[in-house]
Protein backbone atom coordinates (compact mmCIF):
# COMPACT_ATOMS: atom_id res chain seq x y z
CA MET A 1 19.96 17.39 33.77
CA VAL A 2 22.34 14.76 33.01
CA ALA A 3 24.81 14.08 36.05
CA PRO A 4 28.23 14.77 35.46
CA ASP A 5 31.28 12.28 35.48
CA PRO A 6 32.58 11.63 38.71
CA VAL A 7 36.13 11.83 37.76
CA ASP A 8 34.97 15.15 35.99
CA ALA A 9 33.46 16.32 38.73
CA ARG A 10 36.59 15.96 41.13
CA LEU A 11 38.73 17.62 38.30
CA LEU A 12 36.73 20.60 38.11
CA ALA A 13 36.28 20.52 42.20
CA LEU A 14 40.29 20.68 42.55
CA LEU A 15 40.41 22.96 39.68
CA ALA A 16 38.00 25.50 41.29
CA GLU A 17 40.10 25.23 44.47
CA THR A 18 43.72 26.11 42.16
CA GLY A 19 42.14 28.82 40.06
CA ARG A 20 44.81 27.62 37.60
CA ALA A 21 47.16 24.99 37.79
CA ALA A 22 49.23 22.36 35.17
CA VAL A 23 47.61 19.69 33.86
CA HIS A 24 50.33 17.03 35.18
CA GLU A 25 49.90 18.57 38.75
CA LEU A 26 46.12 18.24 38.57
CA ALA A 27 46.57 14.51 37.78
CA ALA A 28 48.85 13.74 40.05
CA ARG A 29 46.91 15.08 42.58
CA LEU A 30 43.97 12.88 42.21
CA GLY A 31 46.20 10.00 40.88
CA MET A 32 45.18 10.28 37.16
CA ASP A 33 47.46 9.70 33.97
CA PRO A 34 48.12 13.36 32.75
CA ARG A 35 46.50 12.61 29.08
CA GLU A 36 43.37 11.21 30.31
CA ALA A 37 43.21 14.53 32.79
CA ALA A 38 44.00 16.45 29.39
CA THR A 39 41.74 14.91 27.57
CA ARG A 40 38.81 15.66 30.06
CA LEU A 41 39.81 19.27 30.57
CA ILE A 42 39.83 19.73 26.45
CA THR A 43 36.47 18.22 26.57
CA LEU A 44 34.82 20.11 29.42
CA SER A 45 36.64 23.37 28.20
CA GLY A 46 34.58 22.49 24.73
CA SER A 47 31.24 22.27 26.66
CA GLY A 48 31.15 25.73 27.18
CA LEU A 49 32.45 25.64 30.76
CA PRO A 50 34.68 29.14 31.65
CA LEU A 51 37.80 26.99 31.29
CA LEU A 52 40.73 27.51 29.26
CA VAL A 53 43.39 24.55 28.51
CA GLY A 54 46.69 26.20 27.30
CA VAL A 55 50.35 24.82 27.04
CA GLU A 56 53.58 26.48 27.30
CA CYS A 57 57.33 25.50 26.31
CA ASP A 58 60.69 27.06 26.44
CA PRO A 59 60.97 28.39 23.18
CA ASN A 60 64.70 27.87 22.53
CA GLY A 61 64.33 24.70 24.19
CA ILE A 62 62.01 23.17 21.97
CA ARG A 63 64.15 24.86 18.70
CA LYS A 64 67.06 23.11 19.93
CA ALA A 65 65.37 19.73 20.67
CA LEU A 66 63.65 19.90 17.00
CA ALA A 67 67.53 20.75 15.48
CA ASN A 68 69.13 17.76 17.58
CA SER A 69 66.28 15.27 16.45
CA VAL A 70 66.64 13.57 13.66
CA ALA A 71 63.47 12.33 13.42
CA TRP A 72 62.38 15.61 12.51
CA GLY A 73 64.90 15.64 9.09
CA ASN A 74 64.46 19.20 7.87
CA TYR A 75 61.79 20.52 10.19
CA ALA A 76 61.10 24.37 8.79
CA GLY A 77 58.59 25.08 11.56
CA PRO A 78 54.53 25.58 10.62
CA THR A 79 53.88 26.37 7.34
CA GLY A 80 50.74 29.12 6.38
CA GLY A 81 53.06 32.25 6.73
CA PRO A 82 53.24 34.90 8.83
CA GLY A 83 50.85 34.76 11.70
CA ALA A 84 50.56 30.73 11.57
CA GLY A 85 51.27 28.93 14.86
CA VAL A 86 50.38 29.60 18.40
CA GLY A 87 49.09 33.12 18.76
CA GLY A 88 48.80 33.36 14.92
CA GLY A 89 46.30 35.96 13.67
CA LEU A 90 46.22 37.94 16.68
CA GLY A 91 47.66 41.03 15.02
CA GLY A 92 44.62 42.23 14.09
CA GLY A 93 44.00 44.83 16.77
CA VAL A 94 45.87 48.28 17.80
CA ALA A 95 47.82 48.22 20.86
CA GLY A 96 50.61 50.34 21.98
CA VAL A 97 53.78 47.88 23.51
CA ARG A 98 55.94 49.51 25.38
CA GLY A 99 58.87 47.30 26.52
CA THR A 100 60.46 44.04 25.41
CA PRO A 101 57.47 42.15 23.22
CA SER A 102 57.30 38.48 24.26
CA GLY A 103 55.79 36.00 23.11
CA ALA A 104 54.24 34.27 19.99
CA TYR A 105 51.36 37.63 19.01
CA GLN A 106 51.91 39.87 16.09
CA PRO A 107 50.86 43.37 17.11
CA GLY A 108 48.89 45.88 15.20
CA PRO A 109 50.47 49.13 13.96
CA GLY A 110 50.53 50.68 17.30
CA THR A 111 53.17 52.18 19.18
CA VAL A 112 56.14 50.11 20.37
CA ARG A 113 58.35 51.44 23.05
CA GLY A 114 61.58 49.68 24.38
CA THR A 115 64.01 46.83 22.51
CA PRO A 116 61.92 44.49 20.63
CA SER A 117 63.16 40.87 21.27
CA GLY A 118 64.19 38.33 18.47
CA GLY A 119 62.54 38.14 15.27
CA TYR A 120 59.75 40.58 16.41
CA PRO A 121 57.90 42.11 13.08
CA GLY A 122 59.84 44.89 11.46
CA TYR A 123 63.11 44.61 13.68
CA PRO A 124 65.58 41.83 12.39
CA GLY A 125 67.62 42.08 15.41
CA PRO A 126 70.86 43.43 15.36
CA PRO A 127 73.40 42.16 12.74
CA SER A 128 75.71 39.90 13.76
CA GLN A 129 79.57 40.57 14.17
CA PRO A 130 82.38 38.30 13.43
CA PHE A 131 84.51 37.53 16.30
CA PRO A 132 87.62 39.57 16.17
CA ALA A 133 90.70 37.47 15.20
CA GLN A 134 92.98 36.40 17.92
CA GLN A 135 96.08 38.13 18.79
CA PRO A 136 99.36 36.32 19.31
CA HIS A 137 100.62 36.79 22.82
CA PRO A 138 102.97 39.20 23.40
CA PRO A 139 106.54 37.73 24.57
CA HIS A 140 107.35 38.09 28.29
CA PRO A 141 109.46 41.28 28.75
CA SER A 142 113.02 41.34 30.47
CA GLY A 143 113.25 43.01 33.86
CA PRO A 144 110.77 43.86 36.74
CA VAL A 145 107.06 43.57 35.13
CA PRO A 146 105.00 47.13 35.82
CA VAL A 147 101.85 46.48 38.24
CA PRO A 148 98.83 48.26 36.13
CA PRO A 149 96.47 50.76 38.36
CA VAL A 150 93.89 48.81 40.19
CA PRO A 151 90.45 49.94 38.41
CA GLU A 152 88.11 51.21 40.32
CA PRO A 153 84.46 49.29 40.76
CA MET A 154 82.08 49.91 38.12
CA SER A 155 79.19 50.20 40.32
CA THR A 156 77.00 48.25 43.23
CA TRP A 157 75.76 46.02 40.64
CA GLY A 158 77.77 45.65 37.62
CA PRO A 159 76.51 44.86 33.66
CA PRO A 160 73.53 42.79 33.69
CA GLN A 161 73.65 39.44 33.57
CA SER A 162 77.66 39.46 34.31
CA ALA A 163 79.31 38.03 37.50
CA GLY A 164 78.92 41.60 39.23
CA TRP A 165 75.24 41.46 39.01
CA ALA A 166 74.81 40.33 42.46
CA ARG A 167 78.24 41.42 44.33
CA GLY A 168 78.36 40.47 48.03
CA ASP A 169 82.06 42.35 48.20
CA ALA A 170 80.25 45.76 46.94
CA PRO A 171 79.61 48.34 49.59
CA SER A 172 76.04 47.93 50.76
CA GLY A 173 73.28 50.93 50.47
CA PRO A 174 70.00 51.58 49.61
CA ARG A 175 68.58 50.25 46.64
CA PRO A 176 66.45 51.81 44.17
CA ARG A 177 62.98 50.95 44.06
CA THR A 178 61.38 53.30 41.67
CA GLY A 179 62.20 52.44 37.76
CA LYS A 180 60.65 52.68 33.81
CA ILE A 181 59.60 50.25 32.02
CA GLY A 182 62.56 47.63 31.33
CA SER A 183 64.10 48.46 34.63
CA THR A 184 65.01 45.62 37.11
CA LEU A 185 64.93 46.27 40.69
CA GLU A 186 65.79 44.29 43.61
CA THR A 187 63.35 43.58 46.93
CA GLU A 188 63.07 41.08 49.41
CA GLY A 189 59.80 39.04 50.29
CA LEU A 190 58.06 38.42 53.79
CA GLU A 191 59.91 35.14 54.34
CA GLY A 192 63.48 36.36 53.55
CA ALA A 193 63.99 35.64 49.95
CA ARG A 194 66.09 38.19 48.20
CA PHE A 195 64.85 38.56 44.26
CA THR A 196 65.00 41.11 41.65
CA ILE A 197 61.94 41.55 39.46
CA GLN A 198 61.86 43.33 35.81
CA LEU A 199 58.82 45.10 34.45
CA VAL A 200 59.56 43.49 30.15
CA GLU A 201 56.50 45.33 28.93
CA VAL A 202 52.75 46.69 29.05
CA VAL A 203 50.65 45.83 26.33
CA ASP A 204 47.72 48.79 26.55
CA PRO A 205 45.02 48.35 25.41
CA ALA A 206 45.52 44.40 24.79
CA ASP A 207 41.68 44.08 23.89
CA PHE A 208 42.64 41.72 20.80
CA LEU A 209 44.58 39.10 23.30
CA PHE A 210 41.62 39.34 25.86
CA THR A 211 38.84 38.27 23.15
CA ALA A 212 41.33 36.21 21.27
CA ALA A 213 41.50 33.87 24.66
CA GLY A 214 37.68 33.49 24.36
CA TYR A 215 37.04 36.62 26.97
CA LYS A 216 34.54 39.39 26.28
CA LEU A 217 35.00 42.72 27.36
CA ALA A 218 31.67 44.82 28.48
CA ASP A 219 30.86 48.26 26.47
CA GLY A 220 33.50 51.03 28.02
CA GLU A 221 36.06 48.46 29.31
CA ARG A 222 39.70 48.06 27.99
CA ALA A 223 42.23 44.97 28.58
CA VAL A 224 45.83 45.85 29.72
CA VAL A 225 48.86 43.05 29.76
CA VAL A 226 51.47 43.39 31.91
CA HIS A 227 54.86 41.06 31.75
CA THR A 228 57.38 40.74 34.30
CA GLU A 229 60.07 38.28 35.20
CA LEU A 230 61.28 37.52 38.68
CA ALA A 231 64.72 36.06 39.44
CA ASN A 232 65.34 34.57 42.67
CA ASN A 233 68.92 35.59 43.84
CA GLY A 234 69.08 34.40 47.19
CA GLY A 235 68.91 31.19 48.68
CA VAL A 236 65.46 30.93 50.00
CA THR A 237 62.37 29.61 47.95
CA PHE A 238 60.18 32.47 46.72
CA ASN A 239 56.66 30.67 47.66
CA ALA A 240 54.16 33.09 46.68
CA LEU A 241 52.52 34.02 43.14
CA PRO A 242 55.12 36.66 41.88
CA ASP A 243 51.97 38.96 40.60
CA MET A 244 49.67 38.18 43.79
CA TYR A 245 49.55 42.22 44.55
CA LEU A 246 50.81 43.47 41.33
CA VAL A 247 48.35 46.51 40.41
CA LEU A 248 48.43 49.23 37.80
CA MET A 249 48.09 52.73 39.35
CA THR A 250 46.05 55.73 38.04
CA SER A 251 46.17 59.23 37.07
CA ALA A 252 43.46 59.45 39.74
CA GLY A 253 45.44 58.00 42.31
CA GLU A 254 43.26 54.35 42.08
CA THR A 255 44.54 51.00 41.97
CA ILE A 256 43.49 48.32 39.77
CA ALA A 257 43.89 44.58 40.87
CA LYS A 258 44.26 42.06 38.32
CA ALA A 259 41.52 40.01 36.73
CA PRO A 260 41.15 36.04 37.40
CA VAL A 261 41.77 35.63 33.72
CA SER A 262 45.04 34.14 31.73
CA LEU A 263 45.93 34.04 28.23
CA SER A 264 46.88 31.28 26.24
CA SER A 265 49.49 33.26 23.93
CA ARG A 266 50.62 34.79 27.58
CA PRO A 267 51.54 32.31 30.41
CA PRO A 268 50.68 33.28 33.65
CA HIS A 269 52.83 33.19 36.64
CA LYS A 270 53.14 29.98 38.64
CA ILE A 271 53.55 29.61 42.48
CA GLY A 272 57.24 29.38 43.59
CA VAL A 273 60.45 30.33 42.28
CA GLN A 274 63.59 28.52 43.51
CA PRO A 275 67.01 29.99 44.16
CA GLY A 276 68.69 30.55 41.47
CA GLU A 277 65.59 30.56 39.03
CA THR A 278 64.06 33.33 36.49
CA ALA A 279 60.33 32.85 36.24
CA GLY A 280 58.41 35.32 33.98
CA GLY A 281 54.51 35.80 33.65
CA HIS A 282 51.74 37.55 32.29
CA THR A 283 49.06 39.73 34.24
CA VAL A 284 46.03 40.75 32.86
CA TYR A 285 43.86 43.67 33.99
CA VAL A 286 40.24 44.81 32.96
CA LEU A 287 39.78 48.92 33.88
CA PRO A 288 37.76 51.37 31.88
CA GLU A 289 38.82 52.06 28.95
CA ASN A 290 39.18 56.13 29.66
CA THR A 291 41.46 55.28 32.66
CA VAL A 292 44.91 56.61 32.36
CA VAL A 293 47.83 54.06 33.80
CA THR A 294 50.97 55.93 35.44
CA SER A 295 52.36 53.50 36.95
CA VAL A 296 52.90 49.62 37.86
CA ARG A 297 53.38 48.69 41.50
CA TRP A 298 54.59 45.38 43.12
CA SER A 299 54.36 44.72 46.43
CA ALA A 300 54.52 41.41 49.07
CA ARG A 301 51.38 42.09 50.91
CA PRO A 302 48.30 44.09 50.20
CA GLU A 303 49.60 47.36 52.00
CA THR A 304 52.85 49.24 50.81
CA ASP A 305 56.07 49.20 52.69
CA LEU A 306 59.84 49.86 52.46
CA ASN A 307 60.20 46.89 49.88
CA THR A 308 57.40 47.88 47.21
CA LEU A 309 58.48 48.32 43.75
CA VAL A 310 56.93 51.39 41.34
CA TRP A 311 57.73 51.49 37.40
CA THR A 312 56.59 54.61 35.85
CA VAL A 313 54.27 53.76 32.56
CA ASP A 314 55.07 56.66 29.91
CA ASP A 315 52.23 57.99 28.33
């Protein structure tokens, strides 16, 4: 047996400690050029090692950069028609997608629940509406101006993505710790970080995503993928892995922990979310194919507490 290259051995040893990390982070810790580290990892992945080298991006940011780049000319995206590009050809399976679909895959003719995002196949998105014509300002009336009545506050939280989403002047009270797919729930971390977690979607089964990433399911098993987003609304950094204790609850009262795998088409969570930052990720589970999943549960620690969140999964 040929002895491994010393640099490859150091790279693999560091990767084995972290389980998953960005290429530039591994390169920085080893004092390597990120391009060399990426080349070595890709070569090692092709040699048969249980190693997956992926890439992720901000799709809107990339599209904007392409649109603003003169060097790209009339860039029209990857050719090959529907299914081309990252995740293309993954839509051959039948899956039930509940929540807001994301990523580049195209699901099969399964059940779709929630509001599809973007140009999801079969859903062109809401029709664009023209902006209403601006009305001229009325002349100032003479005499005393009547004072309009002060409206009552809408709610503790206000509409999502509005200035009232995290109002500090609203009356305090118990926050909901339960919801359904698509719900955003507030909680706290062990170090005082305050944040919200949204259960965006549940893909069940997700066997086609699992096998497309190079993994194999045993007979009688199925895969499930859960997409969550954590928004840090406080002033303390969230230093943990957002899905460390994100588990599936079954009809038999059992809990199913996440599988130690990540999918190239569905990027996993990363450790740490800074104040004011929102980070999303996908968690993979492997369970018996006949198991009924009833809910998704998040906790900051292995056991449940007052800050535990639970989302009900509809049949």
